[in-house]
């Protein structure tokens, strides 16, 4: 697998054009799965693993890589499939999600394909509730499933999901303030909404960038002053149909929406994020998921928006 990710930094050129590159792989069967290359640090043949007594059943062990200890999880088992056997002949995809580096044990790795986010579609409506599938696409006339890794990690790695005591300020929140959230992961949507509920603000939730843009335009068509009505847009970057970069670009192109405050809230990591914020015109980038940090950022924006609305009224 040496060289499969050569030149990954150049792939940042795809961001902002509603395009991505998927690393395709298989688990225990013939079904192919995909993961965004931006999430991948390295692909290696499975090294010797040290088992951890009392660890989650999905954790196959830990490996020492370049002086760092990496937890390796069986991705097949994590999504309800059979554990992968003969791990010496398997591969590990080293990824960074939500500020953590971990390895996913997979059966085999196929190749990288260049895709348009418009070709990445939500799961079929018949998909069971609680499914680990966050999106689907077709490659070589075969269905490729994109796994909701945030859901997988939320079930294996314990992370704080509630705002700590003392973070929420005593100042009374204006309950008329409204926040729009766009994220394709049900786990991520619920995490963000839980924080916003604690802050006492109204929330509209969308499953992708296209839904969010349609909602914004619907409010405009209703005659609403969206900049006054909406305090903030919180958007994931990776979403089917329309990604967060493209959503932000479309917002900035529309005179009725151009002044909206947009935060890109994503598990994507890498130095390209700050450059992309400037390129597409987002106001800030916030790495997932730290409820205290999200609460602080949102509270600051709510106070700022309140002052802006008062200034417009005077």
C-alpha atoms as a PDB file:
ATOM      1  CA  UNK A   1       0.000   0.000   0.000  1.00  0.00           C
ATOM      2  CA  UNK A   2       3.036   2.271  -0.007  1.00  0.00           C
ATOM      3  CA  UNK A   3       2.341   5.373  -2.006  1.00  0.00           C
ATOM      4  CA  UNK A   4      -1.453   5.096  -2.090  1.00  0.00           C
ATOM      5  CA  UNK A   5      -1.727   8.459  -0.338  1.00  0.00           C
ATOM      6  CA  UNK A   6       1.183  10.179  -2.099  1.00  0.00           C
ATOM      7  CA  UNK A   7       0.337  13.781  -2.872  1.00  0.00           C
ATOM      8  CA  UNK A   8      -2.575  13.941  -0.460  1.00  0.00           C
ATOM      9  CA  UNK A   9      -1.849  17.619   0.273  1.00  0.00           C
ATOM     10  CA  UNK A  10      -2.584  18.445  -3.363  1.00  0.00           C
ATOM     11  CA  UNK A  11      -6.058  16.992  -2.946  1.00  0.00           C
ATOM     12  CA  UNK A  12      -7.063  20.010  -0.886  1.00  0.00           C
ATOM     13  CA  UNK A  13      -7.632  21.653  -4.277  1.00  0.00           C
ATOM     14  CA  UNK A  14     -10.816  19.559  -4.503  1.00  0.00           C
ATOM     15  CA  UNK A  15     -12.243  21.223  -1.403  1.00  0.00           C
ATOM     16  CA  UNK A  16     -14.579  24.080  -2.221  1.00  0.00           C
ATOM     17  CA  UNK A  17     -15.489  22.527  -5.579  1.00  0.00           C
ATOM     18  CA  UNK A  18     -18.001  20.098  -4.057  1.00  0.00           C
ATOM     19  CA  UNK A  19     -15.579  17.261  -4.783  1.00  0.00           C
ATOM     20  CA  UNK A  20     -13.772  14.689  -2.675  1.00  0.00           C
ATOM     21  CA  UNK A  21     -11.653  11.587  -2.979  1.00  0.00           C
ATOM     22  CA  UNK A  22     -12.750   8.331  -1.387  1.00  0.00           C
ATOM     23  CA  UNK A  23     -10.446   5.556  -0.246  1.00  0.00           C
ATOM     24  CA  UNK A  24     -12.325   2.340  -1.081  1.00  0.00           C
ATOM     25  CA  UNK A  25     -11.941  -0.769   1.073  1.00  0.00           C
ATOM     26  CA  UNK A  26     -13.632  -4.027   2.012  1.00  0.00           C
ATOM     27  CA  UNK A  27     -14.286  -5.565   5.399  1.00  0.00           C
ATOM     28  CA  UNK A  28     -15.299  -9.221   5.766  1.00  0.00           C
ATOM     29  CA  UNK A  29     -17.169  -9.640   2.485  1.00  0.00           C
ATOM     30  CA  UNK A  30     -17.393  -8.267  -1.049  1.00  0.00           C
ATOM     31  CA  UNK A  31     -19.254  -5.084  -0.087  1.00  0.00           C
ATOM     32  CA  UNK A  32     -17.131  -1.996  -0.685  1.00  0.00           C
ATOM     33  CA  UNK A  33     -16.978   0.938   1.710  1.00  0.00           C
ATOM     34  CA  UNK A  34     -15.509   4.427   1.397  1.00  0.00           C
ATOM     35  CA  UNK A  35     -13.781   6.976   3.594  1.00  0.00           C
ATOM     36  CA  UNK A  36     -12.770  10.536   2.727  1.00  0.00           C
ATOM     37  CA  UNK A  37      -9.045  10.704   2.001  1.00  0.00           C
ATOM     38  CA  UNK A  38      -8.812  13.853   4.123  1.00  0.00           C
ATOM     39  CA  UNK A  39      -9.499  11.673   7.169  1.00  0.00           C
ATOM     40  CA  UNK A  40      -6.693   9.261   6.319  1.00  0.00           C
ATOM     41  CA  UNK A  41      -3.144   9.726   7.543  1.00  0.00           C
ATOM     42  CA  UNK A  42      -1.721   6.414   6.382  1.00  0.00           C
ATOM     43  CA  UNK A  43      -2.600   2.898   5.208  1.00  0.00           C
ATOM     44  CA  UNK A  44      -0.389   0.080   6.503  1.00  0.00           C
ATOM     45  CA  UNK A  45      -0.347  -3.675   6.674  1.00  0.00           C
ATOM     46  CA  UNK A  46      -1.569  -4.687  10.116  1.00  0.00           C
ATOM     47  CA  UNK A  47       1.369  -4.624  12.552  1.00  0.00           C
ATOM     48  CA  UNK A  48       1.664  -6.854  15.638  1.00  0.00           C
ATOM     49  CA  UNK A  49      -0.997  -5.804  18.142  1.00  0.00           C
ATOM     50  CA  UNK A  50      -0.858  -5.816  21.920  1.00  0.00           C
ATOM     51  CA  UNK A  51      -4.181  -6.762  23.429  1.00  0.00           C
ATOM     52  CA  UNK A  52      -5.639  -4.669  26.227  1.00  0.00           C
ATOM     53  CA  UNK A  53      -7.459  -6.642  28.937  1.00  0.00           C
ATOM     54  CA  UNK A  54     -10.892  -5.201  29.685  1.00  0.00           C
ATOM     55  CA  UNK A  55     -11.028  -3.078  26.532  1.00  0.00           C
ATOM     56  CA  UNK A  56     -14.078  -2.722  24.301  1.00  0.00           C
ATOM     57  CA  UNK A  57     -14.678  -5.920  22.253  1.00  0.00           C
ATOM     58  CA  UNK A  58     -14.184  -3.970  19.023  1.00  0.00           C
ATOM     59  CA  UNK A  59     -10.660  -2.912  20.048  1.00  0.00           C
ATOM     60  CA  UNK A  60      -8.291  -5.547  18.645  1.00  0.00           C
ATOM     61  CA  UNK A  61      -5.257  -4.066  20.368  1.00  0.00           C
ATOM     62  CA  UNK A  62      -2.738  -1.247  20.302  1.00  0.00           C
ATOM     63  CA  UNK A  63       0.257  -0.684  18.052  1.00  0.00           C
ATOM     64  CA  UNK A  64       3.299   1.531  18.435  1.00  0.00           C
ATOM     65  CA  UNK A  65       3.807   3.674  15.363  1.00  0.00           C
ATOM     66  CA  UNK A  66       6.556   6.265  15.151  1.00  0.00           C
ATOM     67  CA  UNK A  67       6.628   6.661  18.891  1.00  0.00           C
ATOM     68  CA  UNK A  68       2.841   6.941  19.262  1.00  0.00           C
ATOM     69  CA  UNK A  69       0.430   4.373  20.621  1.00  0.00           C
ATOM     70  CA  UNK A  70      -2.507   3.834  18.251  1.00  0.00           C
ATOM     71  CA  UNK A  71      -5.690   1.994  19.168  1.00  0.00           C
ATOM     72  CA  UNK A  72      -6.755  -0.391  16.402  1.00  0.00           C
ATOM     73  CA  UNK A  73     -10.480  -1.140  16.068  1.00  0.00           C
ATOM     74  CA  UNK A  74     -12.119  -3.871  14.005  1.00  0.00           C
ATOM     75  CA  UNK A  75     -14.372  -1.840  11.716  1.00  0.00           C
ATOM     76  CA  UNK A  76     -16.320  -4.893  10.563  1.00  0.00           C
ATOM     77  CA  UNK A  77     -17.213  -5.844  14.113  1.00  0.00           C
ATOM     78  CA  UNK A  78     -17.934  -2.201  14.991  1.00  0.00           C
ATOM     79  CA  UNK A  79     -20.778  -2.020  12.470  1.00  0.00           C
ATOM     80  CA  UNK A  80     -22.301  -5.342  13.463  1.00  0.00           C
ATOM     81  CA  UNK A  81     -20.413  -7.661  11.118  1.00  0.00           C
ATOM     82  CA  UNK A  82     -18.149 -10.625  11.930  1.00  0.00           C
ATOM     83  CA  UNK A  83     -14.702  -9.975  13.417  1.00  0.00           C
ATOM     84  CA  UNK A  84     -11.891 -10.027  10.875  1.00  0.00           C
ATOM     85  CA  UNK A  85      -9.786 -13.186  11.069  1.00  0.00           C
ATOM     86  CA  UNK A  86      -6.108 -13.646  10.172  1.00  0.00           C
ATOM     87  CA  UNK A  87      -5.277 -10.033  10.964  1.00  0.00           C
ATOM     88  CA  UNK A  88      -1.652 -10.467   9.874  1.00  0.00           C
ATOM     89  CA  UNK A  89      -2.864 -10.274   6.259  1.00  0.00           C
ATOM     90  CA  UNK A  90      -5.215  -7.346   6.857  1.00  0.00           C
ATOM     91  CA  UNK A  91      -4.707  -3.586   6.634  1.00  0.00           C
ATOM     92  CA  UNK A  92      -5.071  -0.720   9.067  1.00  0.00           C
ATOM     93  CA  UNK A  93      -6.346   2.691   7.967  1.00  0.00           C
ATOM     94  CA  UNK A  94      -4.870   5.317  10.297  1.00  0.00           C
ATOM     95  CA  UNK A  95      -7.369   8.155  10.611  1.00  0.00           C
ATOM     96  CA  UNK A  96      -7.951  11.338  12.531  1.00  0.00           C
ATOM     97  CA  UNK A  97     -11.495  12.026  13.685  1.00  0.00           C
ATOM     98  CA  UNK A  98     -12.706  14.454  16.281  1.00  0.00           C
ATOM     99  CA  UNK A  99      -9.196  15.346  17.472  1.00  0.00           C
ATOM    100  CA  UNK A 100      -8.245  11.681  17.964  1.00  0.00           C
ATOM    101  CA  UNK A 101      -5.972   9.408  15.939  1.00  0.00           C
ATOM    102  CA  UNK A 102      -7.029   5.776  15.662  1.00  0.00           C
ATOM    103  CA  UNK A 103      -6.627   2.827  13.343  1.00  0.00           C
ATOM    104  CA  UNK A 104      -9.423   0.865  11.680  1.00  0.00           C
ATOM    105  CA  UNK A 105      -8.704  -2.741  10.835  1.00  0.00           C
ATOM    106  CA  UNK A 106     -10.132  -3.587   7.382  1.00  0.00           C
ATOM    107  CA  UNK A 107     -10.057  -6.661   5.178  1.00  0.00           C
ATOM    108  CA  UNK A 108      -8.463  -5.126   2.096  1.00  0.00           C
ATOM    109  CA  UNK A 109      -7.917  -1.739   0.493  1.00  0.00           C
ATOM    110  CA  UNK A 110      -8.954  -1.116  -3.100  1.00  0.00           C
ATOM    111  CA  UNK A 111      -8.053   2.294  -4.502  1.00  0.00           C
ATOM    112  CA  UNK A 112      -8.795   6.018  -4.376  1.00  0.00           C
ATOM    113  CA  UNK A 113     -11.563   7.464  -6.561  1.00  0.00           C
ATOM    114  CA  UNK A 114     -12.334  11.085  -7.363  1.00  0.00           C
ATOM    115  CA  UNK A 115     -16.007  11.885  -6.719  1.00  0.00           C
ATOM    116  CA  UNK A 116     -18.460  14.766  -6.754  1.00  0.00           C
ATOM    117  CA  UNK A 117     -20.387  15.324  -3.523  1.00  0.00           C
ATOM    118  CA  UNK A 118     -23.474  15.476  -5.718  1.00  0.00           C
ATOM    119  CA  UNK A 119     -22.936  11.761  -6.387  1.00  0.00           C
ATOM    120  CA  UNK A 120     -22.785  11.005  -2.661  1.00  0.00           C
ATOM    121  CA  UNK A 121     -26.378  10.380  -1.658  1.00  0.00           C
ATOM    122  CA  UNK A 122     -28.205   9.938   1.654  1.00  0.00           C
ATOM    123  CA  UNK A 123     -28.960   6.332   2.643  1.00  0.00           C
ATOM    124  CA  UNK A 124     -32.118   4.808   1.142  1.00  0.00           C
ATOM    125  CA  UNK A 125     -35.258   5.621   3.109  1.00  0.00           C
ATOM    126  CA  UNK A 126     -35.694   1.930   3.816  1.00  0.00           C
ATOM    127  CA  UNK A 127     -32.378   1.756   5.692  1.00  0.00           C
ATOM    128  CA  UNK A 128     -32.935   0.646   9.256  1.00  0.00           C
ATOM    129  CA  UNK A 129     -32.904   3.261  11.965  1.00  0.00           C
ATOM    130  CA  UNK A 130     -29.623   3.045  13.791  1.00  0.00           C
ATOM    131  CA  UNK A 131     -27.760   2.047  10.646  1.00  0.00           C
ATOM    132  CA  UNK A 132     -24.039   2.834  10.489  1.00  0.00           C
ATOM    133  CA  UNK A 133     -24.436   4.045   6.907  1.00  0.00           C
ATOM    134  CA  UNK A 134     -24.297   7.827   6.539  1.00  0.00           C
ATOM    135  CA  UNK A 135     -24.268   7.971   2.720  1.00  0.00           C
ATOM    136  CA  UNK A 136     -23.991   5.835  -0.411  1.00  0.00           C
ATOM    137  CA  UNK A 137     -22.577   6.186  -3.905  1.00  0.00           C
ATOM    138  CA  UNK A 138     -21.865   3.993  -6.933  1.00  0.00           C
ATOM    139  CA  UNK A 139     -18.452   3.033  -8.293  1.00  0.00           C
ATOM    140  CA  UNK A 140     -18.060   0.569 -11.179  1.00  0.00           C
ATOM    141  CA  UNK A 141     -21.826   0.006 -11.024  1.00  0.00           C
ATOM    142  CA  UNK A 142     -21.484  -1.242  -7.449  1.00  0.00           C
ATOM    143  CA  UNK A 143     -22.981   0.316  -4.345  1.00  0.00           C
ATOM    144  CA  UNK A 144     -20.388   1.813  -2.000  1.00  0.00           C
ATOM    145  CA  UNK A 145     -21.413   2.489   1.597  1.00  0.00           C
ATOM    146  CA  UNK A 146     -19.935   5.389   3.535  1.00  0.00           C
ATOM    147  CA  UNK A 147     -19.848   4.573   7.244  1.00  0.00           C
ATOM    148  CA  UNK A 148     -20.918   7.021   9.941  1.00  0.00           C
ATOM    149  CA  UNK A 149     -17.579   6.854  11.729  1.00  0.00           C
ATOM    150  CA  UNK A 150     -18.713   9.410  14.294  1.00  0.00           C
ATOM    151  CA  UNK A 151     -21.460   6.999  15.330  1.00  0.00           C
ATOM    152  CA  UNK A 152     -18.953   4.153  15.540  1.00  0.00           C
ATOM    153  CA  UNK A 153     -16.580   6.169  17.711  1.00  0.00           C
ATOM    154  CA  UNK A 154     -19.360   7.470  19.961  1.00  0.00           C
ATOM    155  CA  UNK A 155     -20.172   3.856  20.848  1.00  0.00           C
ATOM    156  CA  UNK A 156     -16.567   2.824  21.493  1.00  0.00           C
ATOM    157  CA  UNK A 157     -14.755   5.896  22.798  1.00  0.00           C
ATOM    158  CA  UNK A 158     -16.344   7.786  25.635  1.00  0.00           C
ATOM    159  CA  UNK A 159     -16.401  11.516  24.975  1.00  0.00           C
ATOM    160  CA  UNK A 160     -18.015  14.327  26.910  1.00  0.00           C
ATOM    161  CA  UNK A 161     -21.312  15.302  25.303  1.00  0.00           C
ATOM    162  CA  UNK A 162     -22.739  17.665  27.924  1.00  0.00           C
ATOM    163  CA  UNK A 163     -21.658  21.210  28.678  1.00  0.00           C
ATOM    164  CA  UNK A 164     -19.677  21.494  31.928  1.00  0.00           C
ATOM    165  CA  UNK A 165     -21.001  23.405  34.885  1.00  0.00           C
ATOM    166  CA  UNK A 166     -20.070  27.084  34.820  1.00  0.00           C
ATOM    167  CA  UNK A 167     -19.703  27.314  31.029  1.00  0.00           C
ATOM    168  CA  UNK A 168     -23.223  28.568  30.362  1.00  0.00           C
ATOM    169  CA  UNK A 169     -23.404  32.216  31.355  1.00  0.00           C
ATOM    170  CA  UNK A 170     -26.081  33.531  33.658  1.00  0.00           C
ATOM    171  CA  UNK A 171     -27.073  36.233  31.210  1.00  0.00           C
ATOM    172  CA  UNK A 172     -30.573  35.560  29.941  1.00  0.00           C
ATOM    173  CA  UNK A 173     -30.678  34.190  26.411  1.00  0.00           C
ATOM    174  CA  UNK A 174     -33.071  35.749  23.930  1.00  0.00           C
ATOM    175  CA  UNK A 175     -35.297  32.789  23.079  1.00  0.00           C
ATOM    176  CA  UNK A 176     -36.110  34.277  19.683  1.00  0.00           C
ATOM    177  CA  UNK A 177     -32.520  33.704  18.529  1.00  0.00           C
ATOM    178  CA  UNK A 178     -32.261  30.955  15.946  1.00  0.00           C
ATOM    179  CA  UNK A 179     -29.430  28.688  14.779  1.00  0.00           C
ATOM    180  CA  UNK A 180     -29.316  26.539  11.628  1.00  0.00           C
ATOM    181  CA  UNK A 181     -27.356  23.268  11.886  1.00  0.00           C
ATOM    182  CA  UNK A 182     -26.314  21.137   8.889  1.00  0.00           C
ATOM    183  CA  UNK A 183     -24.735  17.706   9.422  1.00  0.00           C
ATOM    184  CA  UNK A 184     -25.281  14.319   7.794  1.00  0.00           C
ATOM    185  CA  UNK A 185     -24.383  12.334  10.922  1.00  0.00           C
ATOM    186  CA  UNK A 186     -27.333  11.767  13.254  1.00  0.00           C
ATOM    187  CA  UNK A 187     -24.904  11.470  16.161  1.00  0.00           C
ATOM    188  CA  UNK A 188     -23.248  14.796  15.346  1.00  0.00           C
ATOM    189  CA  UNK A 189     -26.606  16.539  14.853  1.00  0.00           C
ATOM    190  CA  UNK A 190     -27.815  15.339  18.231  1.00  0.00           C
ATOM    191  CA  UNK A 191     -24.572  16.383  19.917  1.00  0.00           C
ATOM    192  CA  UNK A 192     -24.802  19.930  18.562  1.00  0.00           C
ATOM    193  CA  UNK A 193     -28.533  20.235  19.255  1.00  0.00           C
ATOM    194  CA  UNK A 194     -28.005  19.108  22.854  1.00  0.00           C
ATOM    195  CA  UNK A 195     -25.590  22.021  23.374  1.00  0.00           C
ATOM    196  CA  UNK A 196     -27.929  24.506  21.691  1.00  0.00           C
ATOM    197  CA  UNK A 197     -30.858  23.264  23.772  1.00  0.00           C
ATOM    198  CA  UNK A 198     -28.821  23.890  26.915  1.00  0.00           C
ATOM    199  CA  UNK A 199     -28.262  27.438  25.691  1.00  0.00           C
ATOM    200  CA  UNK A 200     -31.997  27.887  25.189  1.00  0.00           C
ATOM    201  CA  UNK A 201     -31.967  28.851  21.502  1.00  0.00           C
ATOM    202  CA  UNK A 202     -34.253  27.747  18.683  1.00  0.00           C
ATOM    203  CA  UNK A 203     -32.687  25.262  16.277  1.00  0.00           C
ATOM    204  CA  UNK A 204     -33.426  24.120  12.734  1.00  0.00           C
ATOM    205  CA  UNK A 205     -31.579  20.941  11.737  1.00  0.00           C
ATOM    206  CA  UNK A 206     -30.735  19.834   8.171  1.00  0.00           C
ATOM    207  CA  UNK A 207     -29.131  16.621   6.923  1.00  0.00           C
ATOM    208  CA  UNK A 208     -26.886  18.141   4.233  1.00  0.00           C
ATOM    209  CA  UNK A 209     -25.770  21.393   2.657  1.00  0.00           C
ATOM    210  CA  UNK A 210     -28.447  21.344  -0.034  1.00  0.00           C
ATOM    211  CA  UNK A 211     -31.214  21.038   2.562  1.00  0.00           C
ATOM    212  CA  UNK A 212     -29.664  23.896   4.513  1.00  0.00           C
ATOM    213  CA  UNK A 213     -29.403  26.142   1.446  1.00  0.00           C
ATOM    214  CA  UNK A 214     -32.999  25.322   0.451  1.00  0.00           C
ATOM    215  CA  UNK A 215     -34.155  26.218   3.967  1.00  0.00           C
ATOM    216  CA  UNK A 216     -32.315  29.540   3.866  1.00  0.00           C
ATOM    217  CA  UNK A 217     -33.840  30.402   0.495  1.00  0.00           C
ATOM    218  CA  UNK A 218     -37.297  29.368   1.736  1.00  0.00           C
ATOM    219  CA  UNK A 219     -36.992  31.806   4.629  1.00  0.00           C
ATOM    220  CA  UNK A 220     -35.919  34.502   2.187  1.00  0.00           C
ATOM    221  CA  UNK A 221     -38.897  33.753  -0.079  1.00  0.00           C
ATOM    222  CA  UNK A 222     -41.191  34.063   2.948  1.00  0.00           C
ATOM    223  CA  UNK A 223     -40.005  37.647   3.238  1.00  0.00           C
ATOM    224  CA  UNK A 224     -37.844  37.116   6.326  1.00  0.00           C
ATOM    225  CA  UNK A 225     -34.766  39.218   6.922  1.00  0.00           C
ATOM    226  CA  UNK A 226     -32.569  36.144   7.376  1.00  0.00           C
ATOM    227  CA  UNK A 227     -29.570  38.059   8.715  1.00  0.00           C
ATOM    228  CA  UNK A 228     -31.788  39.416  11.480  1.00  0.00           C
ATOM    229  CA  UNK A 229     -33.743  36.199  12.065  1.00  0.00           C
ATOM    230  CA  UNK A 230     -30.798  33.780  12.067  1.00  0.00           C
ATOM    231  CA  UNK A 231     -27.963  34.222  14.549  1.00  0.00           C
ATOM    232  CA  UNK A 232     -25.651  31.572  13.190  1.00  0.00           C
ATOM    233  CA  UNK A 233     -25.114  28.718  10.735  1.00  0.00           C
ATOM    234  CA  UNK A 234     -23.182  25.700  12.058  1.00  0.00           C
ATOM    235  CA  UNK A 235     -22.226  23.364   9.220  1.00  0.00           C
ATOM    236  CA  UNK A 236     -20.327  20.131   8.881  1.00  0.00           C
ATOM    237  CA  UNK A 237     -17.936  19.982   5.917  1.00  0.00           C
ATOM    238  CA  UNK A 238     -18.450  16.403   4.702  1.00  0.00           C
ATOM    239  CA  UNK A 239     -22.055  15.982   3.595  1.00  0.00           C
ATOM    240  CA  UNK A 240     -23.777  14.222   0.690  1.00  0.00           C
ATOM    241  CA  UNK A 241     -25.224  16.246  -2.208  1.00  0.00           C
ATOM    242  CA  UNK A 242     -23.561  19.517  -1.095  1.00  0.00           C
ATOM    243  CA  UNK A 243     -20.604  19.871   1.261  1.00  0.00           C
ATOM    244  CA  UNK A 244     -20.084  22.624   3.823  1.00  0.00           C
ATOM    245  CA  UNK A 245     -17.521  24.489   1.748  1.00  0.00           C
ATOM    246  CA  UNK A 246     -19.938  24.747  -1.170  1.00  0.00           C
ATOM    247  CA  UNK A 247     -22.800  25.704   1.155  1.00  0.00           C
ATOM    248  CA  UNK A 248     -20.697  28.574   2.512  1.00  0.00           C
ATOM    249  CA  UNK A 249     -19.733  29.683  -0.994  1.00  0.00           C
ATOM    250  CA  UNK A 250     -23.420  29.711  -2.048  1.00  0.00           C
ATOM    251  CA  UNK A 251     -24.365  31.714   1.046  1.00  0.00           C
ATOM    252  CA  UNK A 252     -21.746  34.353   0.277  1.00  0.00           C
ATOM    253  CA  UNK A 253     -22.964  34.624  -3.348  1.00  0.00           C
ATOM    254  CA  UNK A 254     -26.559  35.406  -2.316  1.00  0.00           C
ATOM    255  CA  UNK A 255     -27.056  39.081  -1.322  1.00  0.00           C
ATOM    256  CA  UNK A 256     -29.889  38.123   1.048  1.00  0.00           C
ATOM    257  CA  UNK A 257     -27.662  35.639   2.891  1.00  0.00           C
ATOM    258  CA  UNK A 258     -24.169  37.012   2.409  1.00  0.00           C
ATOM    259  CA  UNK A 259     -23.852  38.509   5.911  1.00  0.00           C
ATOM    260  CA  UNK A 260     -24.712  35.300   7.767  1.00  0.00           C
ATOM    261  CA  UNK A 261     -22.204  34.105  10.351  1.00  0.00           C
ATOM    262  CA  UNK A 262     -20.987  30.630   9.338  1.00  0.00           C
ATOM    263  CA  UNK A 263     -18.965  28.239  11.486  1.00  0.00           C
ATOM    264  CA  UNK A 264     -17.601  25.062   9.873  1.00  0.00           C
ATOM    265  CA  UNK A 265     -17.800  22.389  12.562  1.00  0.00           C
ATOM    266  CA  UNK A 266     -16.095  19.241  11.348  1.00  0.00           C
ATOM    267  CA  UNK A 267     -14.065  16.204  12.268  1.00  0.00           C
ATOM    268  CA  UNK A 268     -11.779  16.917   9.309  1.00  0.00           C
ATOM    269  CA  UNK A 269      -8.280  17.796  10.404  1.00  0.00           C
ATOM    270  CA  UNK A 270      -5.303  19.333   8.681  1.00  0.00           C
ATOM    271  CA  UNK A 271      -3.609  22.638   8.015  1.00  0.00           C
ATOM    272  CA  UNK A 272      -5.756  23.194   4.930  1.00  0.00           C
ATOM    273  CA  UNK A 273      -8.758  24.131   7.098  1.00  0.00           C
ATOM    274  CA  UNK A 274      -7.650  27.708   7.795  1.00  0.00           C
ATOM    275  CA  UNK A 275      -6.923  28.267   4.112  1.00  0.00           C
ATOM    276  CA  UNK A 276     -10.324  26.902   3.175  1.00  0.00           C
ATOM    277  CA  UNK A 277     -12.078  29.174   5.686  1.00  0.00           C
ATOM    278  CA  UNK A 278     -10.522  32.160   3.950  1.00  0.00           C
ATOM    279  CA  UNK A 279     -11.195  30.768   0.485  1.00  0.00           C
ATOM    280  CA  UNK A 280     -14.914  30.098   0.931  1.00  0.00           C
ATOM    281  CA  UNK A 281     -15.597  32.957   3.335  1.00  0.00           C
ATOM    282  CA  UNK A 282     -16.568  31.112   6.516  1.00  0.00           C
ATOM    283  CA  UNK A 283     -16.208  33.051   9.763  1.00  0.00           C
ATOM    284  CA  UNK A 284     -14.520  30.302  11.756  1.00  0.00           C
ATOM    285  CA  UNK A 285     -13.528  26.637  11.930  1.00  0.00           C
ATOM    286  CA  UNK A 286     -14.267  24.513  14.983  1.00  0.00           C
ATOM    287  CA  UNK A 287     -13.002  20.949  15.322  1.00  0.00           C
ATOM    288  CA  UNK A 288     -15.476  18.350  16.604  1.00  0.00           C
ATOM    289  CA  UNK A 289     -16.513  17.586  19.238  1.00  0.00           C
ATOM    290  CA  UNK A 290     -15.903  19.669  22.363  1.00  0.00           C
ATOM    291  CA  UNK A 291     -19.226  20.758  23.929  1.00  0.00           C
ATOM    292  CA  UNK A 292     -17.660  23.374  26.194  1.00  0.00           C
ATOM    293  CA  UNK A 293     -15.801  24.995  23.302  1.00  0.00           C
ATOM    294  CA  UNK A 294     -18.906  24.906  21.104  1.00  0.00           C
ATOM    295  CA  UNK A 295     -20.992  26.481  23.888  1.00  0.00           C
ATOM    296  CA  UNK A 296     -18.482  29.293  24.375  1.00  0.00           C
ATOM    297  CA  UNK A 297     -18.282  30.061  20.653  1.00  0.00           C
ATOM    298  CA  UNK A 298     -22.062  30.040  20.230  1.00  0.00           C
ATOM    299  CA  UNK A 299     -22.641  32.238  23.303  1.00  0.00           C
ATOM    300  CA  UNK A 300     -20.154  34.795  21.992  1.00  0.00           C
ATOM    301  CA  UNK A 301     -21.907  34.834  18.622  1.00  0.00           C
ATOM    302  CA  UNK A 302     -25.383  35.116  20.161  1.00  0.00           C
ATOM    303  CA  UNK A 303     -24.342  38.209  22.112  1.00  0.00           C
ATOM    304  CA  UNK A 304     -22.733  39.699  19.011  1.00  0.00           C
ATOM    305  CA  UNK A 305     -25.831  39.020  16.909  1.00  0.00           C
ATOM    306  CA  UNK A 306     -28.080  40.579  19.547  1.00  0.00           C
ATOM    307  CA  UNK A 307     -26.042  43.784  19.353  1.00  0.00           C
ATOM    308  CA  UNK A 308     -26.158  43.725  15.538  1.00  0.00           C
ATOM    309  CA  UNK A 309     -29.961  43.419  15.562  1.00  0.00           C
ATOM    310  CA  UNK A 310     -30.239  46.324  18.030  1.00  0.00           C
ATOM    311  CA  UNK A 311     -27.989  48.454  15.843  1.00  0.00           C
ATOM    312  CA  UNK A 312     -30.186  47.743  12.799  1.00  0.00           C
ATOM    313  CA  UNK A 313     -33.282  48.723  14.765  1.00  0.00           C
ATOM    314  CA  UNK A 314     -31.868  52.035  15.972  1.00  0.00           C
END
